[in-house]
Protein backbone atom coordinates (compact mmCIF):
# COMPACT_ATOMS: atom_id res chain seq x y z
CA MET A 1 -77.32 -87.34 6.14
CA THR A 2 -75.46 -83.85 4.88
CA ASN A 3 -76.92 -81.62 8.23
CA GLY A 4 -78.26 -79.14 5.66
CA HIS A 5 -74.96 -78.48 4.77
CA PRO A 6 -73.24 -79.61 0.93
CA PRO A 7 -70.72 -82.42 0.62
CA GLN A 8 -66.91 -81.25 -0.27
CA GLY A 9 -67.04 -79.52 -4.08
CA GLY A 10 -70.38 -77.24 -3.46
CA GLN A 11 -72.42 -79.71 -4.91
CA PRO A 12 -75.65 -80.01 -3.21
CA PRO A 13 -76.77 -83.45 -2.69
CA PRO A 14 -79.56 -84.68 -5.13
CA GLN A 15 -82.78 -85.04 -3.58
CA ASP A 16 -84.42 -87.70 -3.17
CA ASN A 17 -88.45 -86.36 -2.68
CA PRO A 18 -88.09 -83.38 -4.74
CA PRO A 19 -91.21 -80.80 -4.09
CA GLU A 20 -94.62 -81.77 -5.44
CA GLY A 21 -94.14 -79.81 -9.18
CA GLN A 22 -90.66 -79.57 -9.32
CA PRO A 23 -89.05 -81.11 -12.40
CA GLN A 24 -86.32 -83.61 -10.97
CA TYR A 25 -82.98 -83.27 -12.77
CA PRO A 26 -80.28 -85.78 -13.09
CA GLN A 27 -77.36 -85.61 -11.04
CA GLN A 28 -74.55 -84.06 -12.43
CA GLY A 29 -70.99 -85.11 -13.00
CA PRO A 30 -68.00 -84.45 -11.60
CA GLN A 31 -67.23 -80.28 -11.46
CA TYR A 32 -64.13 -78.85 -12.83
CA PRO A 33 -62.72 -75.61 -11.76
CA GLN A 34 -63.25 -72.96 -13.87
CA GLN A 35 -60.38 -71.13 -15.00
CA GLY A 36 -59.25 -69.03 -12.14
CA GLN A 37 -60.50 -71.15 -9.54
CA PRO A 38 -58.16 -73.13 -7.36
CA GLN A 39 -58.57 -76.81 -7.18
CA SER A 40 -58.65 -78.71 -3.73
CA GLY A 41 -55.16 -77.73 -1.96
CA GLY A 42 -55.47 -74.09 -2.91
CA ALA A 43 -53.64 -74.94 -6.58
CA TYR A 44 -54.69 -73.11 -9.20
CA PRO A 45 -55.11 -74.79 -12.96
CA GLN A 46 -52.51 -75.28 -15.38
CA HIS A 47 -53.14 -73.53 -18.88
CA PRO A 48 -51.29 -73.61 -21.42
CA GLN A 49 -48.60 -70.63 -21.94
CA GLN A 50 -50.60 -68.11 -24.62
CA GLN A 51 -48.20 -66.82 -26.69
CA GLY A 52 -48.12 -64.41 -29.71
CA GLY A 53 -49.29 -61.15 -27.19
CA TYR A 54 -46.47 -58.68 -27.92
CA GLY A 55 -43.26 -58.29 -26.70
CA GLN A 56 -43.85 -61.40 -26.18
CA ASN A 57 -40.72 -63.92 -27.62
CA GLN A 58 -41.91 -67.11 -29.56
CA ALA A 59 -41.07 -70.44 -29.12
CA PRO A 60 -38.36 -72.21 -31.85
CA ASN A 61 -40.88 -74.17 -33.82
CA PRO A 62 -38.62 -77.51 -34.84
CA TYR A 63 -41.10 -77.34 -37.88
CA GLN A 64 -39.87 -73.89 -39.39
CA SER A 65 -38.69 -74.34 -43.15
CA GLY A 66 -38.07 -70.78 -43.70
CA PRO A 67 -35.94 -68.07 -42.09
CA SER A 68 -37.37 -66.34 -38.42
CA GLY A 69 -38.11 -63.00 -40.01
CA PRO A 70 -38.05 -61.04 -43.11
CA ARG A 71 -34.86 -60.68 -45.05
CA ALA A 72 -33.10 -58.96 -47.61
CA ASN A 73 -33.69 -61.26 -50.79
CA PHE A 74 -30.73 -62.16 -53.82
CA GLY A 75 -31.28 -59.25 -55.67
CA GLN A 76 -30.81 -56.06 -53.42
CA ARG A 77 -28.11 -57.06 -51.44
CA LEU A 78 -26.36 -58.15 -54.73
CA LEU A 79 -27.22 -54.65 -56.43
CA ALA A 80 -26.49 -52.69 -52.89
CA TYR A 81 -22.80 -54.60 -53.74
CA ILE A 82 -22.16 -53.80 -57.08
CA LEU A 83 -23.13 -50.27 -56.17
CA ASP A 84 -20.63 -50.13 -52.81
CA VAL A 85 -17.77 -51.54 -54.71
CA LEU A 86 -18.07 -49.22 -57.65
CA ILE A 87 -18.12 -46.44 -54.36
CA ALA A 88 -15.31 -47.36 -52.60
CA GLY A 89 -13.59 -48.41 -55.88
CA VAL A 90 -13.35 -45.07 -57.81
CA PRO A 91 -11.45 -43.41 -55.66
CA THR A 92 -8.72 -46.51 -55.48
CA VAL A 93 -8.79 -46.64 -59.21
CA ILE A 94 -8.32 -43.03 -59.77
CA ILE A 95 -5.40 -42.84 -57.49
CA PHE A 96 -3.62 -45.57 -58.94
CA GLY A 97 -3.93 -43.64 -62.31
CA LEU A 98 -2.30 -40.68 -60.85
CA LEU A 99 0.48 -42.26 -59.66
CA GLY A 100 1.38 -44.06 -63.30
CA GLY A 101 -0.50 -47.28 -62.84
CA PHE A 102 -2.13 -47.12 -66.39
CA ASP A 103 0.67 -45.62 -68.25
CA ASP A 104 2.10 -48.91 -69.87
CA LEU A 105 -1.49 -49.57 -71.38
CA GLY A 106 -0.68 -47.43 -74.21
CA GLU A 107 2.34 -48.83 -74.99
CA ASP A 108 1.94 -53.06 -74.68
CA PRO A 109 -1.03 -53.74 -73.15
CA ASN A 110 -0.03 -57.79 -72.76
CA GLN A 111 2.13 -56.86 -70.57
CA PHE A 112 -0.12 -54.50 -67.93
CA ARG A 113 1.98 -54.05 -64.86
CA ALA A 114 1.48 -51.35 -61.53
CA PHE A 115 4.52 -50.20 -61.01
CA GLY A 116 6.27 -53.69 -60.72
CA THR A 117 6.12 -55.74 -58.15
CA GLY A 118 6.65 -53.85 -55.12
CA GLU A 119 4.18 -51.28 -56.73
CA ASP A 120 1.56 -53.97 -57.58
CA PHE A 121 1.22 -55.45 -53.51
CA LEU A 122 1.46 -52.31 -52.15
CA PHE A 123 -1.92 -51.07 -54.31
CA THR A 124 -3.79 -53.84 -53.72
CA LEU A 125 -2.72 -53.51 -49.94
CA PHE A 126 -4.12 -49.85 -50.49
CA GLY A 127 -7.15 -51.41 -52.25
CA LEU A 128 -7.51 -53.78 -49.13
CA VAL A 129 -7.67 -51.11 -46.58
CA VAL A 130 -9.98 -48.98 -48.39
CA THR A 131 -12.56 -51.39 -49.25
CA LEU A 132 -12.60 -53.12 -45.29
CA ALA A 133 -12.64 -49.11 -43.84
CA TYR A 134 -15.70 -48.60 -45.62
CA PHE A 135 -17.74 -51.50 -45.41
CA THR A 136 -16.43 -51.34 -41.61
CA LEU A 137 -17.36 -47.56 -40.92
CA LEU A 138 -20.34 -47.74 -42.25
CA GLU A 139 -21.67 -51.22 -41.80
CA GLY A 140 -20.57 -51.00 -37.84
CA SER A 141 -22.29 -47.71 -37.23
CA PRO A 142 -26.15 -47.99 -35.52
CA THR A 143 -27.73 -47.46 -39.01
CA GLY A 144 -25.85 -50.41 -40.57
CA GLN A 145 -25.80 -49.70 -44.25
CA THR A 146 -23.50 -48.39 -46.42
CA ILE A 147 -24.34 -45.79 -49.54
CA GLY A 148 -25.67 -49.40 -51.25
CA LYS A 149 -27.52 -50.93 -48.91
CA LYS A 150 -29.19 -47.63 -48.39
CA ALA A 151 -30.28 -47.20 -51.79
CA LEU A 152 -31.64 -50.48 -51.44
CA SER A 153 -33.92 -49.88 -47.66
CA ILE A 154 -32.02 -52.71 -46.68
CA ARG A 155 -29.57 -52.80 -43.70
CA VAL A 156 -27.20 -55.82 -41.51
CA ILE A 157 -28.25 -56.31 -37.73
CA GLY A 158 -27.19 -58.65 -35.47
CA GLN A 159 -29.06 -62.03 -35.36
CA GLU A 160 -29.89 -62.46 -31.89
CA THR A 161 -29.73 -58.66 -30.87
CA GLY A 162 -31.45 -57.17 -33.23
CA GLY A 163 -29.48 -54.11 -32.92
CA PRO A 164 -26.41 -52.47 -34.59
CA ILE A 165 -23.01 -54.95 -34.79
CA GLY A 166 -20.43 -52.64 -34.26
CA ASN A 167 -17.83 -52.03 -35.69
CA GLY A 168 -15.36 -55.32 -34.15
CA ARG A 169 -18.39 -57.81 -35.48
CA ALA A 170 -18.58 -55.35 -38.97
CA LEU A 171 -14.58 -55.50 -39.08
CA GLY A 172 -14.90 -59.58 -38.83
CA ARG A 173 -17.35 -59.57 -41.00
CA ASN A 174 -16.09 -58.00 -43.82
CA ALA A 175 -13.17 -60.07 -43.49
CA VAL A 176 -14.40 -63.35 -43.83
CA ARG A 177 -15.90 -62.12 -47.14
CA THR A 178 -12.98 -60.13 -48.54
CA LEU A 179 -9.98 -61.97 -47.63
CA PRO A 180 -10.15 -65.07 -49.51
CA SER A 181 -10.91 -63.66 -53.08
CA TYR A 182 -7.10 -62.68 -52.52
CA VAL A 183 -5.92 -66.12 -51.94
CA PRO A 184 -4.98 -67.72 -56.26
CA LEU A 185 -7.87 -70.01 -57.49
CA VAL A 186 -9.49 -69.89 -54.29
CA GLY A 187 -10.53 -66.28 -54.54
CA LEU A 188 -13.05 -67.22 -57.31
CA PHE A 189 -14.59 -70.48 -55.58
CA TRP A 190 -14.61 -68.81 -52.28
CA GLY A 191 -16.69 -65.74 -53.27
CA LEU A 192 -19.53 -67.71 -55.29
CA LEU A 193 -19.74 -70.28 -52.98
CA ASP A 194 -20.20 -66.80 -50.56
CA GLY A 195 -22.45 -65.10 -52.31
CA LEU A 196 -24.69 -67.58 -53.24
CA TRP A 197 -25.45 -69.55 -50.23
CA MET A 198 -27.82 -67.60 -48.83
CA LEU A 199 -30.35 -68.93 -52.08
CA TRP A 200 -29.88 -72.41 -49.90
CA ASP A 201 -29.71 -71.49 -46.39
CA LYS A 202 -33.43 -71.81 -44.21
CA GLU A 203 -31.59 -67.77 -42.08
CA LYS A 204 -30.68 -66.31 -45.54
CA GLN A 205 -27.51 -65.63 -45.02
CA THR A 206 -24.18 -65.64 -46.72
CA LEU A 207 -20.82 -67.46 -45.28
CA HIS A 208 -19.45 -64.05 -44.11
CA ASP A 209 -23.16 -63.31 -42.37
CA LYS A 210 -22.70 -66.59 -40.07
CA ALA A 211 -19.06 -65.87 -38.91
CA ALA A 212 -20.19 -62.58 -37.85
CA LYS A 213 -23.42 -63.69 -36.57
CA THR A 214 -25.18 -61.32 -38.83
CA VAL A 215 -28.39 -61.43 -40.85
CA VAL A 216 -29.23 -58.43 -43.75
CA VAL A 217 -32.95 -57.34 -43.44
CA PRO A 218 -35.67 -54.87 -44.72
CA VAL A 219 -35.69 -51.51 -42.85
CA ALA A 220 -39.09 -51.75 -43.10
CA ALA A 221 -39.40 -53.81 -40.84
CA TYR A 222 -36.12 -53.58 -38.66
CA PRO A 223 -36.93 -49.57 -38.61
CA ILE A 224 -33.51 -47.89 -37.23
CA GLU A 225 -34.00 -45.82 -33.80
CA ARG A 226 -32.95 -42.34 -34.17
CA GLN A 227 -31.21 -41.27 -31.17
CA GLY A 228 -33.59 -38.76 -29.42
CA ASP A 229 -36.93 -40.39 -30.52
CA ALA A 230 -39.05 -41.74 -27.80
CA SER A 231 -41.21 -43.56 -30.36
CA GLN A 232 -38.52 -45.81 -31.56
CA GLN A 233 -37.19 -46.69 -28.22
CA GLN A 234 -38.79 -49.65 -27.83
CA SER A 235 -36.37 -51.94 -29.46
CA TYR A 236 -40.19 -51.88 -32.47
CA GLY A 237 -39.23 -54.27 -35.15
CA ARG A 238 -36.20 -55.91 -33.99
CA PRO A 239 -35.97 -59.53 -33.22
CA PRO A 240 -36.18 -60.84 -30.06
CA PRO A 241 -33.48 -63.34 -28.91
CA GLY A 242 -33.79 -66.73 -31.09
CA GLY A 243 -35.88 -65.37 -33.72
CA TYR A 244 -38.29 -62.70 -35.53
CA ASP A 245 -41.76 -62.50 -33.51
CA PRO A 246 -43.94 -62.31 -36.63
CA ASN A 247 -47.24 -61.30 -33.95
CA ARG A 248 -45.78 -57.98 -33.48
């Protein structure tokens, strides 16, 4: 007997003798709480967290074989670097020539020198300072673009933040790339290994990218934030910590 009340769980008791003319239905199986309805004890059913919405971080995918977001390809980076070396190197060569560094070429090309040992060192040091200053100031800027990168529509950003890397990280990044190239015998090997590393790296990073925790990305996928532009202040296009959200 139920005294006219349904048993716990909300399921009406089975009728032994249903009214004449009314079809008899088999007793239904166990009832499960509907989505959003409390279970016994007041707890709500647990559902897997939905992912992929705008602004939600994606859980790391252990089977992911490619980069965590769009990356500049090898050709773009190589061409941008060549343009930058030419732009940074032209003033250095001009100054070198004005100071007489090419004077001996006409007399004896086999004994080319740059003002002797002391002047050669100063010229090398001057070229290093110009190169580091050029890349540091431009890649550390809010845009993360050198002139070459701007021409190829790519930029440098922090891998974890998706924003500008600042001059400190830009200096370290370019020091890792540039300084070993001045070491005899090691320089050529390092330059090739550093530049080609991105061809087999999962995140398409060079070795100096890994040292500074940076990535080079297309501007179309990671727009440059303009100061005062309200439409860009929501960090659209930035990868969340841990990687790029492909559903944004």
